[in-house]
Amino acid sequence: MTTNVKPVALVILDGWGVSQKTEANALALARLPFYNSLLRTCPYTMLSASGEDTGLPDKQMGNSEVGHMNLGAGRIVYQDFTRINRAIRDGSFATNPVIAQVLHKVRSTGGRLHLLGLLSDGGVHSHIAHLEAILELVKKEGRPPVFVHAFLDGRDTPPRNGLGYIKSAEARMRQLGVGTIATVMGRYYAMDRDQRWDRVAKAYAAIVEGTGVHRKSAEEAVTASYVANVTDEFVVPAVIVDQHDHPIGSIDDDDGIFFYNFRADRARELTRALIEPTFEAFPPFRLTRILPELISERGLKQLRIAETEKYAHVTYFFNGGDEKTYPGEDRVLIPSPRDVATYDLKPQMSAREVADEAVRRIESRQYHLIVLNFANPDMVGHTGNLQAAIQAAEVIDECLNKVISAMRRIGGAVVLTADHGNLEQMVDYETGQPH
């Protein structure tokens, strides 16, 4: 290692936020002796990780993608969510060439238009207002038959809000005279990003083949799921059928497909299953002069390390939404657990393995910058299980001790931060639902 450059570790605690309230605050309830010792002995400040400070609309909560992209860029990066909102407001959305191309295709072939996406106002992967804008545009441009394949959230929204989104979307479709919900399913199936193709296969089968649980309406599908105590994220793919038990809106060869999620990482697998050639209506800006680029230009070595669930965040998103690897950049992927359906069943996830590998790499003294993500605060936080969240935080305290002690032994510095919050509020204080 170059002797005149002090090594630095940027340790990102995913979903580790700050709140003055202690109720349902996993970080206030957990035993965190090492982390609390850092607060007593090291300088620190609080950063805003949401809204306009991260390039999102005002009051919009932050998320992992946005946090990592801003950290890597070292400046505010205006997000796709914000750009699409702006396009809807200024009218340029109606003239978007990719949307126009899809509409032209279905009109010329006599096909139908299928709109796929997360039916949610969470603003992390999609927003219901964008679906409504597409429906309004379709009405204006000639009304080909439109079918909506609705993916329910339950992670970035409360776990039983899906029925309300279904009712709202159907009311708007009736008002416009455009659109019918053809399938309903949880994002667990339609938005996997960890190559769990068995889940994606069930989503594909429902959308394309009409295979799955048959229901007479979208409301019936969600209500039946709630009765079985299955919440939004995990709703088994349901196919809406007519009085003859035939699927009303399966995808055919001459049909057009528009995936209205604005975030790519959880849309890739299903998109790949549906069609290989992809066209982005809002291609991302290319960011330049970002931290990884500057480190590489100076001939310094950098390491990215995370487990599967957040690997894309320390690589693709930290690199400004670019898949490429910079000269001098090494990457380490630690597999996330695959033996549990939800991470509250294994709240440590692979944090200890990430920490142990990070320590080994630190002790090799070959890296000038180490970017490390601990995934389990956020991933366990999303389950809504407070006790599991407390356990996740306590594991992180143990792992921080290992990593920071190793950096101190080699004379390095550590920047400890988060990309956004989660564990600090595990319930919605107004409704009492998991937050």
Protein backbone atom coordinates (compact mmCIF):
# COMPACT_ATOMS: atom_id res chain seq x y z
CA MET A 1 0.00 0.00 0.00
CA THR A 2 1.16 3.54 -0.73
CA THR A 3 2.63 4.67 2.58
CA ASN A 4 1.53 8.32 2.41
CA VAL A 5 -2.17 7.55 1.99
CA LYS A 6 -4.09 6.69 5.14
CA PRO A 7 -6.58 3.84 4.58
CA VAL A 8 -10.24 4.69 5.12
CA ALA A 9 -13.24 2.42 5.64
CA LEU A 10 -16.68 3.77 4.81
CA VAL A 11 -19.00 1.56 6.85
CA ILE A 12 -22.66 1.90 5.86
CA LEU A 13 -25.24 0.66 8.35
CA ASP A 14 -28.23 0.07 6.11
CA GLY A 15 -31.45 1.27 7.74
CA TRP A 16 -29.78 2.67 10.91
CA GLY A 17 -31.58 5.93 11.69
CA VAL A 18 -32.00 8.41 14.52
CA SER A 19 -35.17 9.07 16.50
CA GLN A 20 -35.87 10.83 19.78
CA LYS A 21 -38.67 8.36 20.51
CA THR A 22 -37.88 5.09 22.26
CA GLU A 23 -41.18 3.30 21.60
CA ALA A 24 -40.65 0.56 19.00
CA ASN A 25 -37.14 1.97 18.42
CA ALA A 26 -34.93 -1.09 18.03
CA LEU A 27 -31.76 0.98 18.37
CA ALA A 28 -32.90 2.49 21.66
CA LEU A 29 -33.97 -0.90 23.02
CA ALA A 30 -30.91 -2.88 21.91
CA ARG A 31 -27.72 -3.34 23.92
CA LEU A 32 -25.08 -1.52 21.87
CA PRO A 33 -22.03 -1.03 24.12
CA PHE A 34 -19.48 -0.56 21.33
CA TYR A 35 -21.64 1.75 19.22
CA ASN A 36 -22.49 3.87 22.26
CA SER A 37 -18.80 4.10 23.16
CA LEU A 38 -18.18 5.56 19.69
CA LEU A 39 -20.82 8.22 20.32
CA ARG A 40 -19.08 9.13 23.58
CA THR A 41 -15.54 9.27 22.19
CA CYS A 42 -15.74 10.17 18.49
CA PRO A 43 -16.98 13.29 16.70
CA TYR A 44 -20.32 12.83 14.94
CA THR A 45 -23.20 14.72 13.41
CA MET A 46 -26.62 13.92 12.00
CA LEU A 47 -27.39 13.94 8.28
CA SER A 48 -30.70 14.16 6.47
CA ALA A 49 -31.22 11.07 4.30
CA SER A 50 -34.59 11.84 2.72
CA GLY A 51 -36.51 14.36 0.66
CA GLU A 52 -34.84 17.12 -1.32
CA ASP A 53 -31.53 16.60 0.51
CA THR A 54 -31.12 13.37 -1.47
CA GLY A 55 -32.75 14.43 -4.74
CA LEU A 56 -36.19 13.07 -3.85
CA PRO A 57 -39.45 15.02 -3.71
CA ASP A 58 -40.05 16.99 -0.52
CA LYS A 59 -40.95 14.78 2.48
CA GLN A 60 -40.31 11.55 0.54
CA MET A 61 -38.57 8.97 2.71
CA GLY A 62 -35.09 7.85 1.75
CA ASN A 63 -34.04 4.37 0.71
CA SER A 64 -30.95 2.26 0.12
CA GLU A 65 -30.52 3.03 -3.58
CA VAL A 66 -30.77 6.79 -3.10
CA GLY A 67 -28.52 6.77 -0.05
CA HIS A 68 -25.71 4.85 -1.74
CA MET A 69 -25.90 6.87 -4.94
CA ASN A 70 -25.59 10.15 -3.01
CA LEU A 71 -22.76 8.76 -0.88
CA GLY A 72 -20.82 7.66 -3.94
CA ALA A 73 -21.45 10.88 -5.85
CA GLY A 74 -20.64 13.19 -2.95
CA ARG A 75 -23.48 15.51 -3.96
CA ILE A 76 -27.24 15.57 -4.39
CA VAL A 77 -28.33 13.24 -7.20
CA TYR A 78 -31.80 13.99 -8.54
CA GLN A 79 -33.64 10.70 -8.62
CA ASP A 80 -35.78 9.11 -11.33
CA PHE A 81 -38.84 9.56 -9.10
CA THR A 82 -38.28 13.32 -9.09
CA ARG A 83 -37.58 13.46 -12.84
CA ILE A 84 -40.76 11.56 -13.71
CA ASN A 85 -42.86 13.76 -11.42
CA ARG A 86 -41.38 16.79 -13.15
CA ALA A 87 -42.14 15.31 -16.60
CA ILE A 88 -45.76 14.73 -15.61
CA ARG A 89 -46.08 18.31 -14.37
CA ASP A 90 -44.50 19.98 -17.42
CA GLY A 91 -46.28 17.76 -19.97
CA SER A 92 -43.17 16.13 -21.44
CA PHE A 93 -44.32 12.76 -20.07
CA ALA A 94 -47.03 12.71 -22.76
CA THR A 95 -44.43 12.99 -25.55
CA ASN A 96 -41.94 10.47 -24.17
CA PRO A 97 -40.74 8.50 -27.23
CA VAL A 98 -40.63 5.09 -25.54
CA ILE A 99 -44.18 5.39 -24.22
CA ALA A 100 -45.28 6.58 -27.67
CA GLN A 101 -43.53 3.57 -29.25
CA VAL A 102 -45.38 1.10 -27.02
CA LEU A 103 -48.75 2.74 -27.75
CA HIS A 104 -48.02 2.74 -31.49
CA LYS A 105 -47.16 -0.97 -31.35
CA VAL A 106 -50.42 -2.03 -29.73
CA ARG A 107 -52.49 0.18 -32.01
CA SER A 108 -50.79 -1.18 -35.13
CA THR A 109 -51.07 -4.84 -34.10
CA GLY A 110 -54.48 -4.65 -32.49
CA GLY A 111 -52.89 -5.85 -29.26
CA ARG A 112 -53.45 -4.90 -25.65
CA LEU A 113 -51.29 -2.83 -23.32
CA HIS A 114 -50.07 -4.43 -20.08
CA LEU A 115 -48.89 -2.19 -17.25
CA LEU A 116 -46.72 -3.95 -14.68
CA GLY A 117 -45.51 -2.42 -11.46
CA LEU A 118 -45.65 -1.94 -7.73
CA LEU A 119 -49.04 -0.52 -6.71
CA SER A 120 -47.85 1.72 -3.90
CA ASP A 121 -47.23 5.29 -2.87
CA GLY A 122 -44.05 4.28 -1.05
CA GLY A 123 -41.96 6.10 -3.64
CA VAL A 124 -39.04 3.69 -3.38
CA HIS A 125 -39.63 1.58 -6.49
CA SER A 126 -42.74 3.19 -7.96
CA HIS A 127 -45.59 5.56 -7.28
CA ILE A 128 -49.27 5.02 -7.98
CA ALA A 129 -49.43 8.54 -9.46
CA HIS A 130 -47.20 7.37 -12.32
CA LEU A 131 -49.62 4.56 -13.15
CA GLU A 132 -52.46 7.06 -13.17
CA ALA A 133 -50.49 9.35 -15.50
CA ILE A 134 -50.02 6.47 -17.96
CA LEU A 135 -53.73 5.63 -17.84
CA GLU A 136 -54.60 9.28 -18.51
CA LEU A 137 -52.21 9.32 -21.47
CA VAL A 138 -53.71 6.11 -22.87
CA LYS A 139 -57.18 7.63 -22.67
CA LYS A 140 -55.97 10.69 -24.55
CA GLU A 141 -54.10 8.65 -27.20
CA GLY A 142 -56.85 6.25 -28.22
CA ARG A 143 -57.63 3.71 -25.52
CA PRO A 144 -56.24 0.31 -26.50
CA PRO A 145 -57.37 -2.38 -24.02
CA VAL A 146 -55.26 -1.98 -20.88
CA PHE A 147 -54.54 -4.58 -18.21
CA VAL A 148 -52.74 -3.81 -14.96
CA HIS A 149 -50.62 -6.44 -13.23
CA ALA A 150 -50.51 -5.12 -9.68
CA PHE A 151 -47.63 -5.97 -7.36
CA LEU A 152 -48.40 -5.25 -3.70
CA ASP A 153 -45.83 -3.61 -1.43
CA GLY A 154 -45.93 -4.12 2.34
CA ARG A 155 -42.26 -3.25 2.82
CA ASP A 156 -42.11 0.46 2.05
CA THR A 157 -45.76 0.81 3.09
CA PRO A 158 -47.77 -0.79 5.93
CA PRO A 159 -48.39 -4.51 5.36
CA ARG A 160 -52.16 -4.26 4.82
CA ASN A 161 -52.40 -1.09 2.76
CA GLY A 162 -52.64 -3.02 -0.51
CA LEU A 163 -56.43 -3.30 -0.51
CA GLY A 164 -56.69 0.48 -0.30
CA TYR A 165 -54.35 0.90 -3.27
CA ILE A 166 -56.41 -1.63 -5.27
CA LYS A 167 -59.63 0.25 -4.52
CA SER A 168 -58.03 3.61 -5.37
CA ALA A 169 -56.59 2.36 -8.67
CA GLU A 170 -59.84 0.69 -9.72
CA ALA A 171 -61.83 3.82 -8.91
CA ARG A 172 -59.51 5.89 -11.09
CA MET A 173 -59.71 3.35 -13.92
CA ARG A 174 -63.52 3.42 -13.80
CA GLN A 175 -63.45 7.21 -13.85
CA LEU A 176 -61.18 7.25 -16.91
CA GLY A 177 -62.84 4.32 -18.63
CA VAL A 178 -59.39 2.77 -19.09
CA GLY A 179 -57.80 -0.28 -17.49
CA THR A 180 -58.63 -3.48 -15.62
CA ILE A 181 -56.55 -5.31 -13.03
CA ALA A 182 -55.62 -8.71 -14.48
CA THR A 183 -53.31 -10.15 -11.82
CA VAL A 184 -52.41 -9.37 -8.22
CA MET A 185 -49.36 -10.63 -6.35
CA GLY A 186 -46.90 -9.67 -3.65
CA ARG A 187 -43.53 -8.16 -4.52
CA TYR A 188 -41.97 -11.26 -2.91
CA TYR A 189 -42.73 -13.04 -6.19
CA ALA A 190 -42.66 -10.30 -8.82
CA MET A 191 -39.71 -8.24 -7.58
CA ASP A 192 -37.06 -10.69 -6.42
CA ARG A 193 -33.46 -9.59 -6.98
CA ASP A 194 -31.56 -12.56 -5.54
CA GLN A 195 -32.05 -15.05 -8.39
CA ARG A 196 -34.79 -16.92 -6.58
CA TRP A 197 -36.22 -17.93 -9.92
CA ASP A 198 -38.84 -20.18 -8.36
CA ARG A 199 -40.58 -17.04 -7.11
CA VAL A 200 -40.24 -15.21 -10.41
CA ALA A 201 -41.58 -18.27 -12.24
CA LYS A 202 -44.84 -18.03 -10.29
CA ALA A 203 -45.20 -14.34 -11.17
CA TYR A 204 -44.46 -15.08 -14.83
CA ALA A 205 -46.93 -17.98 -14.92
CA ALA A 206 -49.72 -15.77 -13.59
CA ILE A 207 -49.03 -12.84 -15.94
CA VAL A 208 -48.34 -14.77 -19.14
CA GLU A 209 -50.04 -18.13 -18.76
CA GLY A 210 -52.92 -17.31 -16.43
CA THR A 211 -51.69 -19.96 -14.02
CA GLY A 212 -52.18 -19.43 -10.31
CA VAL A 213 -54.96 -18.88 -7.80
CA HIS A 214 -58.11 -17.85 -9.69
CA ARG A 215 -60.18 -14.98 -8.28
CA LYS A 216 -63.20 -13.05 -9.56
CA SER A 217 -61.73 -9.66 -8.66
CA ALA A 218 -58.58 -8.00 -7.38
CA GLU A 219 -60.35 -7.05 -4.15
CA GLU A 220 -61.34 -10.68 -3.60
CA ALA A 221 -57.74 -11.78 -4.13
CA VAL A 222 -56.37 -9.39 -1.51
CA THR A 223 -59.19 -9.90 0.98
CA ALA A 224 -58.81 -13.69 0.81
CA SER A 225 -55.11 -13.28 1.40
CA TYR A 226 -55.69 -11.13 4.48
CA VAL A 227 -58.16 -13.69 5.85
CA ALA A 228 -55.37 -16.26 5.56
CA ASN A 229 -53.10 -13.80 7.42
CA VAL A 230 -50.91 -13.31 4.35
CA THR A 231 -50.00 -9.64 4.00
CA ASP A 232 -49.26 -7.55 0.91
CA GLU A 233 -45.65 -8.52 0.26
CA PHE A 234 -46.44 -12.24 0.25
CA VAL A 235 -49.77 -12.38 -1.61
CA VAL A 236 -49.60 -15.50 -3.77
CA PRO A 237 -49.96 -14.65 -7.49
CA ALA A 238 -53.68 -14.46 -8.25
CA VAL A 239 -55.23 -14.41 -11.72
CA ILE A 240 -58.48 -12.51 -12.26
CA VAL A 241 -60.93 -14.62 -14.28
CA ASP A 242 -64.29 -14.12 -15.99
CA GLN A 243 -67.53 -16.02 -15.37
CA HIS A 244 -66.17 -18.93 -17.38
CA ASP A 245 -63.01 -19.11 -15.23
CA HIS A 246 -60.87 -17.77 -18.10
CA PRO A 247 -58.05 -15.28 -17.33
CA ILE A 248 -59.16 -11.81 -18.43
CA GLY A 249 -55.75 -10.36 -19.24
CA SER A 250 -52.89 -12.75 -19.97
CA ILE A 251 -50.09 -11.45 -22.20
CA ASP A 252 -50.23 -12.44 -25.89
CA ASP A 253 -47.61 -12.13 -28.65
CA ASP A 254 -48.93 -8.88 -30.17
CA ASP A 255 -49.34 -7.11 -26.84
CA GLY A 256 -47.24 -4.27 -25.47
CA ILE A 257 -45.68 -4.32 -21.99
CA PHE A 258 -44.74 -1.29 -19.91
CA PHE A 259 -43.04 -1.79 -16.53
CA TYR A 260 -43.68 1.46 -14.67
CA ASN A 261 -41.31 0.91 -11.73
CA PHE A 262 -38.62 3.58 -11.89
CA ARG A 263 -36.04 1.59 -9.94
CA ALA A 264 -34.31 -1.17 -11.88
CA ASP A 265 -32.83 -3.59 -9.37
CA ARG A 266 -36.07 -5.37 -8.45
CA ALA A 267 -37.50 -5.17 -11.97
CA ARG A 268 -34.68 -6.92 -13.79
CA GLU A 269 -35.49 -10.57 -13.19
CA LEU A 270 -39.15 -10.43 -14.22
CA THR A 271 -38.29 -8.17 -17.17
CA ARG A 272 -35.66 -10.66 -18.28
CA ALA A 273 -38.20 -13.47 -18.01
CA LEU A 274 -40.69 -11.53 -20.15
CA ILE A 275 -38.48 -10.06 -22.85
CA GLU A 276 -34.73 -9.64 -23.31
CA PRO A 277 -34.58 -6.41 -25.39
CA THR A 278 -35.36 -3.64 -22.89
CA PHE A 279 -35.98 0.04 -23.51
CA GLU A 280 -35.91 2.60 -20.74
CA ALA A 281 -38.35 5.48 -21.01
CA PHE A 282 -36.30 7.52 -18.52
CA PRO A 283 -32.67 6.42 -18.94
CA PRO A 284 -30.56 7.48 -15.96
CA PHE A 285 -28.13 10.37 -16.13
CA ARG A 286 -24.48 9.37 -16.23
CA LEU A 287 -22.74 10.70 -13.15
CA THR A 288 -19.12 11.82 -13.43
CA ARG A 289 -16.44 12.91 -10.94
CA ILE A 290 -17.79 10.55 -8.31
CA LEU A 291 -15.76 9.13 -5.42
CA PRO A 292 -14.96 5.71 -6.97
CA GLU A 293 -13.77 7.39 -10.17
CA LEU A 294 -11.52 9.82 -8.30
CA ILE A 295 -10.01 7.05 -6.15
CA SER A 296 -9.24 5.02 -9.28
CA GLU A 297 -7.74 7.98 -11.17
CA ARG A 298 -5.20 8.43 -8.40
CA GLY A 299 -4.03 4.84 -8.71
CA LEU A 300 -5.46 3.84 -5.33
CA LYS A 301 -7.07 0.49 -4.54
CA GLN A 302 -10.65 0.20 -3.31
CA LEU A 303 -12.75 -2.67 -2.00
CA ARG A 304 -16.53 -3.12 -1.97
CA ILE A 305 -17.95 -5.75 0.35
CA ALA A 306 -21.54 -6.65 1.20
CA GLU A 307 -23.88 -9.59 1.34
CA THR A 308 -26.17 -10.40 -1.57
CA GLU A 309 -29.12 -8.25 -0.52
CA LYS A 310 -27.05 -5.05 -0.59
CA TYR A 311 -24.25 -6.00 -2.98
CA ALA A 312 -25.77 -3.94 -5.80
CA HIS A 313 -25.82 -0.93 -3.50
CA VAL A 314 -22.07 -0.87 -2.77
CA THR A 315 -21.29 -1.57 -6.44
CA TYR A 316 -23.87 -0.45 -9.03
CA PHE A 317 -25.52 2.33 -7.01
CA PHE A 318 -22.35 3.55 -5.28
CA ASN A 319 -20.81 3.78 -8.77
CA GLY A 320 -23.56 6.15 -9.86
CA GLY A 321 -25.80 3.54 -11.49
CA ASP A 322 -23.01 2.08 -13.63
CA GLU A 323 -22.28 -1.64 -13.85
CA LYS A 324 -18.60 -1.19 -14.66
CA THR A 325 -15.78 -1.92 -12.27
CA TYR A 326 -13.08 0.76 -11.97
CA PRO A 327 -9.38 -0.09 -12.27
CA GLY A 328 -8.14 -0.98 -8.81
CA GLU A 329 -11.63 -1.87 -7.57
CA ASP A 330 -12.15 -5.29 -5.97
CA ARG A 331 -15.52 -6.70 -5.00
CA VAL A 332 -16.49 -9.32 -2.43
CA LEU A 333 -19.97 -10.83 -2.35
CA ILE A 334 -20.99 -12.72 0.79
CA PRO A 335 -24.12 -14.82 0.14
CA SER A 336 -27.24 -13.83 2.06
CA PRO A 337 -29.05 -16.69 3.84
CA ARG A 338 -31.33 -18.68 1.54
CA ASP A 339 -32.68 -21.10 4.15
CA VAL A 340 -35.32 -18.70 5.53
CA ALA A 341 -38.32 -17.05 3.86
CA THR A 342 -37.96 -13.80 5.82
CA TYR A 343 -34.94 -12.43 7.61
CA ASP A 344 -36.58 -11.99 11.01
CA LEU A 345 -36.06 -15.77 11.22
CA LYS A 346 -32.30 -15.18 10.95
CA PRO A 347 -31.71 -11.57 12.09
CA GLN A 348 -27.95 -11.83 11.95
CA MET A 349 -28.19 -12.64 8.22
CA SER A 350 -24.55 -12.79 7.01
CA ALA A 351 -23.26 -9.82 9.02
CA ARG A 352 -20.63 -11.82 10.90
CA GLU A 353 -19.30 -13.31 7.67
CA VAL A 354 -19.12 -9.82 6.12
CA ALA A 355 -17.23 -8.52 9.16
CA ASP A 356 -14.79 -11.44 9.23
CA GLU A 357 -13.95 -11.08 5.53
CA ALA A 358 -13.62 -7.31 5.93
CA VAL A 359 -11.14 -7.80 8.79
CA ARG A 360 -9.12 -10.21 6.65
CA ARG A 361 -8.99 -7.67 3.82
CA ILE A 362 -8.14 -4.82 6.18
CA GLU A 363 -5.24 -6.80 7.63
CA SER A 364 -3.90 -7.42 4.12
CA ARG A 365 -3.12 -3.67 4.00
CA GLN A 366 -3.71 -3.51 0.25
CA TYR A 367 -6.71 -1.14 0.13
CA HIS A 368 -6.90 2.63 0.46
CA LEU A 369 -10.71 2.75 0.57
CA ILE A 370 -13.01 0.02 1.84
CA VAL A 371 -16.76 0.47 1.29
CA LEU A 372 -18.67 -1.95 3.48
CA ASN A 373 -22.42 -2.44 3.91
CA PHE A 374 -24.19 -4.23 6.73
CA ALA A 375 -27.58 -5.25 5.34
CA ASN A 376 -29.44 -6.78 8.25
CA PRO A 377 -30.65 -3.60 10.03
CA ASP A 378 -32.68 -2.66 6.96
CA MET A 379 -33.71 -6.12 5.81
CA VAL A 380 -34.85 -7.23 9.27
CA GLY A 381 -36.42 -3.83 9.86
CA HIS A 382 -38.61 -4.39 6.81
CA THR A 383 -40.16 -7.46 8.43
CA GLY A 384 -41.76 -5.36 11.18
CA ASN A 385 -40.53 -7.77 13.87
CA LEU A 386 -39.23 -5.59 16.72
CA GLN A 387 -37.49 -8.34 18.69
CA ALA A 388 -35.68 -9.56 15.58
CA ALA A 389 -34.70 -5.96 14.79
CA ILE A 390 -33.18 -5.60 18.26
CA GLN A 391 -31.17 -8.79 17.68
CA ALA A 392 -30.01 -7.48 14.30
CA ALA A 393 -28.76 -4.26 15.89
CA GLU A 394 -26.89 -6.14 18.61
CA VAL A 395 -25.12 -8.29 16.01
CA ILE A 396 -24.05 -5.10 14.22
CA ASP A 397 -22.58 -3.76 17.45
CA GLU A 398 -20.45 -6.90 17.67
CA CYS A 399 -19.40 -6.62 14.02
CA LEU A 400 -18.52 -2.93 14.28
CA ASN A 401 -16.16 -3.74 17.13
CA LYS A 402 -14.31 -6.23 14.89
CA VAL A 403 -14.07 -3.96 11.85
CA ILE A 404 -13.20 -0.71 13.60
CA SER A 405 -10.65 -2.41 15.87
CA ALA A 406 -8.96 -3.86 12.77
CA MET A 407 -8.81 -0.43 11.13
CA ARG A 408 -7.32 1.07 14.28
CA ARG A 409 -4.63 -1.61 14.33
CA ILE A 410 -3.38 -0.59 10.87
CA GLY A 411 -3.64 3.14 11.60
CA GLY A 412 -6.66 3.68 9.38
CA ALA A 413 -9.71 5.88 9.73
CA VAL A 414 -13.38 4.90 9.70
CA VAL A 415 -16.36 6.90 8.48
CA LEU A 416 -19.43 5.28 10.02
CA THR A 417 -22.75 6.28 8.48
CA ALA A 418 -26.12 5.02 7.25
CA ASP A 419 -27.91 5.32 3.95
CA HIS A 420 -31.37 5.88 5.47
CA GLY A 421 -33.35 4.95 8.55
CA ASN A 422 -35.56 1.99 9.45
CA LEU A 423 -34.79 0.34 12.80
CA GLU A 424 -35.46 3.52 14.75
CA GLN A 425 -39.22 3.29 14.05
CA MET A 426 -40.68 -0.17 13.80
CA VAL A 427 -44.36 0.82 14.11
CA ASP A 428 -46.53 3.55 12.63
CA TYR A 429 -47.28 5.69 15.67
CA GLU A 430 -50.70 6.66 14.30
CA THR A 431 -52.03 3.29 13.14
CA GLY A 432 -50.02 0.85 15.24
CA GLN A 433 -49.18 -1.17 12.13
CA PRO A 434 -45.61 -2.31 11.46
CA HIS A 435 -43.69 0.56 9.88
